Amino acid sequence: MHGEAKATLELLRSGCESTSYVLVYCDGDGTLSSTENRSALPWWGIHTFAEQPGWTWALENRTITIRRDPNEWKVWDRPQQEESSAAYIHKRPAESVDEPEEVYSPHFTLTRLIQDRSHTELNILPALADRFMVVSPSATLHLLPGESATLFVSTPLWFTAKTTTNQTLVLDLPFWRPSDSWFGPSTREGEMCYAKYTDARLDLSLLEQRQHRAVTPVHVINKAKDVLTFERINIPVPLLTLYSGENAQLWTNQLTLTRNDDRDIEVDIAQSAPFDHLNPTPVNTARLPSERRTLMRNLSSLFA
């Protein structure tokens, strides 16, 4: 604390399901400044909506606002061209600036979801991307023969909302939509994916963690007799499960990619969360559940 500044502890409530503490400092001139505690709160879960105002989820200038009316849900979506570098997503009561009355606002998209009578609750959940995600490390990687390594990569998340009565998906929005990318050995063979430059860290402590991204441990094993060289990895995120760990950081189960020869890759998806010491809990299921935890893929469909 600086000089004669005094501190008070205020209790802020952003809904019946969450409580946040903010330390408010009173400087010598009477100016108030606040710093949120470093223990981040989950921005997801079952949320109760009264009729006006609604709730806003804010990530810098990127906002998603949901308001309940008697026979509909109104959703104002304000995207952001560049992905945010902010660490936390803040949930707050909606303000007038979040709900422009103009239908054709240049910065917002208004979606109206009609039903006979709107219910009072929605289940807000993070979700992984709906396509495979091509991640590009900052430099070409070379895995020596007979060696293995675990890379930690993070991928953007989607904001989804489901009804609590019948689990109907009513909203599915990316916090930031990556660019489209074709991944495969040719224009005829491959699939449409998303592409994102990201760091592939060998040391987890060096990976910047954010609430709008999920971290995936990718364990690569090279059983071939030559070096496995790659600049991009195609991560099958729709097959992965989301978990929440300490500080409301989101993780997926570990992905193990085993190169047996020059052509085939064995893909194994762990059945449990990584890092038991982080007390992970399941948050959302995979978009495309697979009965087989071990799959075979062509080398060119996963590495390039």
Protein backbone atom coordinates (compact mmCIF):
# COMPACT_ATOMS: atom_id res chain seq x y z
CA MET A 1 0.00 0.00 0.00
CA HIS A 2 1.34 3.44 -0.93
CA GLY A 3 1.64 6.26 1.60
CA GLU A 4 -1.51 6.80 3.61
CA ALA A 5 -3.71 4.82 1.22
CA LYS A 6 -6.33 2.67 2.90
CA ALA A 7 -7.89 -0.52 1.64
CA THR A 8 -11.39 -1.88 2.05
CA LEU A 9 -12.81 -5.20 0.93
CA GLU A 10 -16.02 -5.10 -1.03
CA LEU A 11 -18.22 -8.07 -1.86
CA LEU A 12 -19.57 -8.01 -5.40
CA ARG A 13 -22.22 -10.36 -6.64
CA SER A 14 -22.65 -10.99 -10.37
CA GLY A 15 -25.44 -13.51 -10.00
CA CYS A 16 -26.59 -16.07 -7.48
CA GLU A 17 -24.01 -18.59 -8.60
CA SER A 18 -20.80 -16.61 -8.18
CA THR A 19 -19.16 -14.25 -5.74
CA SER A 20 -16.07 -12.14 -6.38
CA TYR A 21 -13.94 -10.13 -3.99
CA VAL A 22 -12.39 -6.86 -5.10
CA LEU A 23 -9.78 -4.98 -3.07
CA VAL A 24 -10.54 -1.27 -3.34
CA TYR A 25 -7.74 1.17 -2.54
CA CYS A 26 -8.42 4.69 -1.39
CA ASP A 27 -5.48 6.91 -2.29
CA GLY A 28 -4.54 10.01 -0.35
CA ASP A 29 -6.60 12.20 -2.67
CA GLY A 30 -9.70 10.04 -2.17
CA THR A 31 -9.49 8.38 -5.60
CA LEU A 32 -10.72 4.81 -5.66
CA SER A 33 -8.97 2.13 -7.69
CA SER A 34 -9.70 -1.57 -7.63
CA THR A 35 -7.74 -4.73 -8.38
CA GLU A 36 -9.51 -8.03 -8.79
CA ASN A 37 -8.21 -11.01 -6.89
CA ARG A 38 -5.93 -13.29 -8.83
CA SER A 39 -8.21 -16.27 -8.25
CA ALA A 40 -10.32 -16.08 -11.41
CA LEU A 41 -13.93 -17.18 -11.40
CA PRO A 42 -15.50 -19.49 -14.01
CA TRP A 43 -17.55 -17.50 -16.52
CA TRP A 44 -19.67 -20.55 -17.34
CA GLY A 45 -22.44 -22.45 -15.56
CA ILE A 46 -26.20 -22.17 -15.11
CA HIS A 47 -27.25 -18.52 -15.13
CA THR A 48 -30.57 -17.05 -14.02
CA PHE A 49 -32.11 -14.35 -16.20
CA ALA A 50 -34.71 -11.87 -15.09
CA GLU A 51 -36.52 -9.81 -17.70
CA GLN A 52 -34.18 -6.88 -18.30
CA PRO A 53 -31.41 -6.28 -17.83
CA GLY A 54 -29.52 -9.24 -19.20
CA TRP A 55 -25.96 -10.43 -18.73
CA THR A 56 -22.87 -9.43 -20.69
CA TRP A 57 -19.68 -11.46 -21.13
CA ALA A 58 -16.83 -9.10 -22.01
CA LEU A 59 -13.35 -9.80 -23.34
CA GLU A 60 -11.93 -6.33 -23.90
CA ASN A 61 -14.16 -4.89 -26.67
CA ARG A 62 -15.55 -8.28 -27.63
CA THR A 63 -18.95 -8.70 -25.93
CA ILE A 64 -21.82 -11.19 -25.91
CA THR A 65 -25.05 -9.99 -24.28
CA ILE A 66 -28.11 -12.12 -23.57
CA ARG A 67 -31.45 -10.70 -22.47
CA ARG A 68 -34.61 -12.61 -21.66
CA ASP A 69 -37.99 -11.29 -22.78
CA PRO A 70 -41.32 -13.08 -22.13
CA ASN A 71 -41.35 -14.94 -25.47
CA GLU A 72 -37.81 -14.69 -26.75
CA TRP A 73 -34.11 -14.41 -26.05
CA LYS A 74 -32.22 -11.49 -27.54
CA VAL A 75 -28.50 -11.87 -28.18
CA TRP A 76 -26.22 -8.99 -29.09
CA ASP A 77 -22.92 -10.19 -30.53
CA ARG A 78 -20.11 -7.69 -30.85
CA PRO A 79 -17.08 -9.37 -32.48
CA GLN A 80 -13.49 -8.21 -32.47
CA GLN A 81 -11.27 -8.52 -35.53
CA GLU A 82 -8.12 -9.35 -33.61
CA GLU A 83 -7.96 -12.03 -30.94
CA SER A 84 -7.87 -10.56 -27.46
CA SER A 85 -4.73 -10.86 -25.34
CA ALA A 86 -6.72 -10.39 -22.11
CA ALA A 87 -6.43 -13.18 -19.58
CA TYR A 88 -9.95 -13.13 -18.14
CA ILE A 89 -13.55 -13.02 -19.32
CA HIS A 90 -15.72 -10.73 -17.21
CA LYS A 91 -19.42 -11.30 -16.65
CA ARG A 92 -21.49 -8.28 -15.60
CA PRO A 93 -25.06 -6.97 -15.77
CA ALA A 94 -25.80 -5.67 -19.25
CA GLU A 95 -25.58 -1.94 -19.85
CA SER A 96 -27.44 0.15 -22.40
CA VAL A 97 -24.34 0.27 -24.61
CA ASP A 98 -24.43 -3.55 -24.82
CA GLU A 99 -28.01 -3.59 -26.14
CA PRO A 100 -28.33 -1.07 -29.00
CA GLU A 101 -31.93 -0.67 -30.09
CA GLU A 102 -30.96 -0.22 -33.72
CA VAL A 103 -31.50 -3.51 -35.54
CA TYR A 104 -28.74 -2.73 -38.03
CA SER A 105 -26.02 -1.52 -35.69
CA PRO A 106 -22.64 -1.47 -37.50
CA HIS A 107 -20.83 -3.10 -34.57
CA PHE A 108 -23.41 -5.60 -33.30
CA THR A 109 -25.37 -8.54 -34.65
CA LEU A 110 -28.77 -9.00 -33.02
CA THR A 111 -30.24 -12.51 -32.91
CA ARG A 112 -33.79 -13.14 -31.67
CA LEU A 113 -34.63 -16.66 -30.49
CA ILE A 114 -38.40 -17.11 -30.31
CA GLN A 115 -40.23 -19.59 -28.09
CA ASP A 116 -43.69 -19.92 -26.55
CA ARG A 117 -42.42 -18.80 -23.17
CA SER A 118 -38.80 -18.21 -22.27
CA HIS A 119 -37.47 -19.94 -19.19
CA THR A 120 -35.46 -18.24 -16.50
CA GLU A 121 -32.21 -20.18 -16.90
CA LEU A 122 -29.58 -20.92 -19.52
CA ASN A 123 -26.57 -23.19 -19.19
CA ILE A 124 -23.56 -21.23 -20.47
CA LEU A 125 -20.67 -23.47 -21.49
CA PRO A 126 -17.30 -23.10 -23.21
CA ALA A 127 -16.77 -25.39 -26.18
CA LEU A 128 -13.87 -26.34 -28.40
CA ALA A 129 -13.90 -25.49 -32.10
CA ASP A 130 -16.27 -27.32 -34.43
CA ARG A 131 -13.44 -28.23 -36.84
CA PHE A 132 -9.91 -29.54 -36.53
CA MET A 133 -7.49 -26.77 -35.57
CA VAL A 134 -4.21 -26.36 -37.44
CA VAL A 135 -1.65 -24.82 -35.07
CA SER A 136 1.62 -23.36 -36.30
CA PRO A 137 4.50 -23.13 -33.82
CA SER A 138 6.86 -20.17 -34.09
CA ALA A 139 9.60 -22.34 -35.66
CA THR A 140 9.95 -25.66 -37.44
CA LEU A 141 10.21 -28.60 -35.04
CA HIS A 142 12.41 -31.67 -35.52
CA LEU A 143 11.76 -34.76 -33.41
CA LEU A 144 14.70 -37.18 -33.52
CA PRO A 145 14.24 -40.93 -34.21
CA GLY A 146 13.23 -42.93 -31.16
CA GLU A 147 12.43 -39.78 -29.17
CA SER A 148 9.24 -38.33 -27.73
CA ALA A 149 8.17 -34.91 -26.52
CA THR A 150 5.09 -33.24 -25.06
CA LEU A 151 4.02 -29.96 -26.61
CA PHE A 152 1.50 -27.67 -24.93
CA VAL A 153 -0.69 -25.76 -27.38
CA SER A 154 -3.71 -23.54 -26.81
CA THR A 155 -6.70 -23.09 -29.13
CA PRO A 156 -9.60 -20.59 -29.17
CA LEU A 157 -12.89 -21.39 -27.48
CA TRP A 158 -16.55 -20.96 -28.42
CA PHE A 159 -19.34 -19.53 -26.22
CA THR A 160 -22.39 -21.80 -26.14
CA ALA A 161 -25.77 -21.62 -24.40
CA LYS A 162 -28.23 -24.45 -23.80
CA THR A 163 -31.69 -24.56 -22.28
CA THR A 164 -31.76 -26.27 -18.90
CA THR A 165 -35.06 -28.02 -19.61
CA ASN A 166 -34.14 -30.09 -22.66
CA GLN A 167 -30.49 -29.10 -23.33
CA THR A 168 -31.34 -27.47 -26.66
CA LEU A 169 -28.34 -25.60 -28.10
CA VAL A 170 -29.48 -22.03 -28.70
CA LEU A 171 -26.14 -20.24 -29.09
CA ASP A 172 -22.75 -21.21 -30.48
CA LEU A 173 -20.38 -18.27 -31.00
CA PRO A 174 -16.58 -18.11 -31.18
CA PHE A 175 -14.90 -15.61 -28.93
CA TRP A 176 -12.67 -15.10 -31.93
CA ARG A 177 -13.08 -16.96 -35.23
CA PRO A 178 -9.79 -18.25 -36.68
CA SER A 179 -9.22 -18.19 -40.42
CA ASP A 180 -10.27 -21.08 -42.64
CA SER A 181 -7.55 -23.43 -43.84
CA TRP A 182 -7.41 -26.49 -46.06
CA PHE A 183 -5.19 -29.20 -44.59
CA GLY A 184 -4.14 -32.24 -46.59
CA PRO A 185 -1.66 -33.60 -49.12
CA SER A 186 -3.58 -32.12 -52.08
CA THR A 187 -6.61 -30.03 -53.01
CA ARG A 188 -8.59 -33.25 -53.46
CA GLU A 189 -7.55 -35.02 -50.29
CA GLY A 190 -7.88 -33.28 -46.95
CA GLU A 191 -10.41 -31.30 -44.94
CA MET A 192 -11.46 -27.78 -44.08
CA CYS A 193 -9.98 -26.69 -40.75
CA TYR A 194 -9.27 -23.57 -38.76
CA ALA A 195 -5.74 -22.19 -38.66
CA LYS A 196 -4.05 -20.36 -35.79
CA TYR A 197 -0.50 -19.34 -35.09
CA THR A 198 0.36 -20.41 -31.57
CA ASP A 199 3.35 -21.22 -29.46
CA ALA A 200 4.01 -24.91 -28.91
CA ARG A 201 5.74 -24.92 -25.56
CA LEU A 202 7.79 -27.71 -24.06
CA ASP A 203 7.64 -25.99 -20.67
CA LEU A 204 4.05 -25.51 -19.52
CA SER A 205 5.00 -22.60 -17.27
CA LEU A 206 5.99 -20.59 -20.36
CA LEU A 207 2.54 -20.91 -21.97
CA GLU A 208 0.34 -17.88 -21.42
CA GLN A 209 -3.00 -19.06 -20.06
CA ARG A 210 -6.26 -17.30 -20.93
CA GLN A 211 -9.89 -18.03 -20.13
CA HIS A 212 -10.96 -17.90 -23.78
CA ARG A 213 -8.46 -20.57 -24.83
CA ALA A 214 -7.99 -24.21 -23.88
CA VAL A 215 -4.61 -25.91 -23.42
CA THR A 216 -4.03 -29.31 -25.02
CA PRO A 217 -1.03 -31.50 -24.12
CA VAL A 218 0.16 -33.15 -27.36
CA HIS A 219 2.55 -36.04 -26.76
CA VAL A 220 4.43 -36.92 -29.97
CA ILE A 221 6.33 -40.21 -30.27
CA ASN A 222 8.63 -40.85 -33.23
CA LYS A 223 9.21 -44.59 -33.66
CA ALA A 224 10.44 -44.21 -37.24
CA LYS A 225 14.10 -44.33 -38.22
CA ASP A 226 14.28 -40.77 -39.50
CA VAL A 227 13.61 -37.31 -38.10
CA LEU A 228 9.99 -36.16 -37.92
CA THR A 229 10.01 -32.58 -39.18
CA PHE A 230 6.88 -30.44 -39.07
CA GLU A 231 5.78 -26.81 -39.15
CA ARG A 232 2.10 -27.41 -38.44
CA ILE A 233 0.03 -29.87 -36.39
CA ASN A 234 -3.62 -30.62 -37.08
CA ILE A 235 -5.32 -30.99 -33.68
CA PRO A 236 -8.66 -32.90 -33.66
CA VAL A 237 -10.25 -30.61 -31.07
CA PRO A 238 -13.88 -31.70 -31.80
CA LEU A 239 -12.93 -35.12 -30.36
CA LEU A 240 -11.60 -33.70 -27.09
CA THR A 241 -13.25 -33.04 -23.72
CA LEU A 242 -13.00 -29.77 -21.80
CA TYR A 243 -11.89 -29.64 -18.16
CA SER A 244 -11.51 -26.76 -15.74
CA GLY A 245 -8.48 -26.52 -13.49
CA GLU A 246 -7.12 -24.03 -11.01
CA ASN A 247 -7.77 -20.35 -11.67
CA ALA A 248 -10.61 -21.33 -14.03
CA GLN A 249 -8.12 -22.31 -16.75
CA LEU A 250 -9.54 -24.72 -19.32
CA TRP A 251 -7.76 -27.87 -20.47
CA THR A 252 -8.44 -30.81 -22.76
CA ASN A 253 -7.49 -34.44 -22.33
CA GLN A 254 -4.05 -35.38 -23.63
CA LEU A 255 -3.55 -36.29 -27.26
CA THR A 256 -0.82 -38.82 -28.09
CA LEU A 257 0.43 -39.01 -31.68
CA THR A 258 2.66 -42.00 -32.43
CA ARG A 259 4.52 -42.19 -35.73
CA ASN A 260 5.15 -45.86 -36.48
CA ASP A 261 6.48 -45.52 -40.03
CA ASP A 262 6.61 -43.03 -42.88
CA ARG A 263 2.86 -43.02 -43.53
CA ASP A 264 0.70 -43.75 -40.50
CA ILE A 265 0.05 -41.95 -37.23
CA GLU A 266 -1.64 -43.63 -34.29
CA VAL A 267 -3.86 -41.14 -32.48
CA ASP A 268 -4.71 -41.91 -28.86
CA ILE A 269 -7.11 -39.72 -26.87
CA ALA A 270 -6.73 -40.01 -23.10
CA GLN A 271 -9.90 -40.91 -21.23
CA SER A 272 -9.19 -38.62 -18.29
CA ALA A 273 -8.11 -35.07 -17.61
CA PRO A 274 -4.43 -34.11 -17.49
CA PHE A 275 -2.61 -32.92 -14.38
CA ASP A 276 -4.43 -34.35 -11.39
CA HIS A 277 -2.64 -31.86 -9.14
CA LEU A 278 -4.68 -29.05 -10.77
CA ASN A 279 -7.94 -30.62 -9.53
CA PRO A 280 -9.54 -30.75 -13.00
CA THR A 281 -13.30 -31.13 -13.33
CA PRO A 282 -15.28 -31.89 -16.54
CA VAL A 283 -16.93 -28.83 -18.08
CA ASN A 284 -18.15 -29.90 -21.52
CA THR A 285 -18.16 -33.06 -23.60
CA ALA A 286 -16.55 -33.50 -27.01
CA ARG A 287 -18.48 -32.10 -29.97
CA LEU A 288 -17.94 -35.36 -31.86
CA PRO A 289 -17.78 -38.22 -29.36
CA SER A 290 -15.75 -41.16 -30.62
CA GLU A 291 -16.29 -44.71 -29.43
CA ARG A 292 -12.69 -45.51 -30.30
CA ARG A 293 -10.07 -43.77 -28.20
CA THR A 294 -7.30 -44.88 -30.57
CA LEU A 295 -7.54 -43.90 -34.26
CA MET A 296 -5.28 -44.30 -37.27
CA ARG A 297 -4.61 -41.28 -39.46
CA ASN A 298 -2.42 -40.64 -42.45
CA LEU A 299 0.79 -38.81 -41.56
CA SER A 300 -0.01 -35.98 -43.99
CA SER A 301 -3.39 -35.41 -42.33
CA LEU A 302 -1.80 -34.43 -39.01
CA PHE A 303 1.68 -33.05 -39.76
CA ALA A 304 2.93 -30.68 -42.40
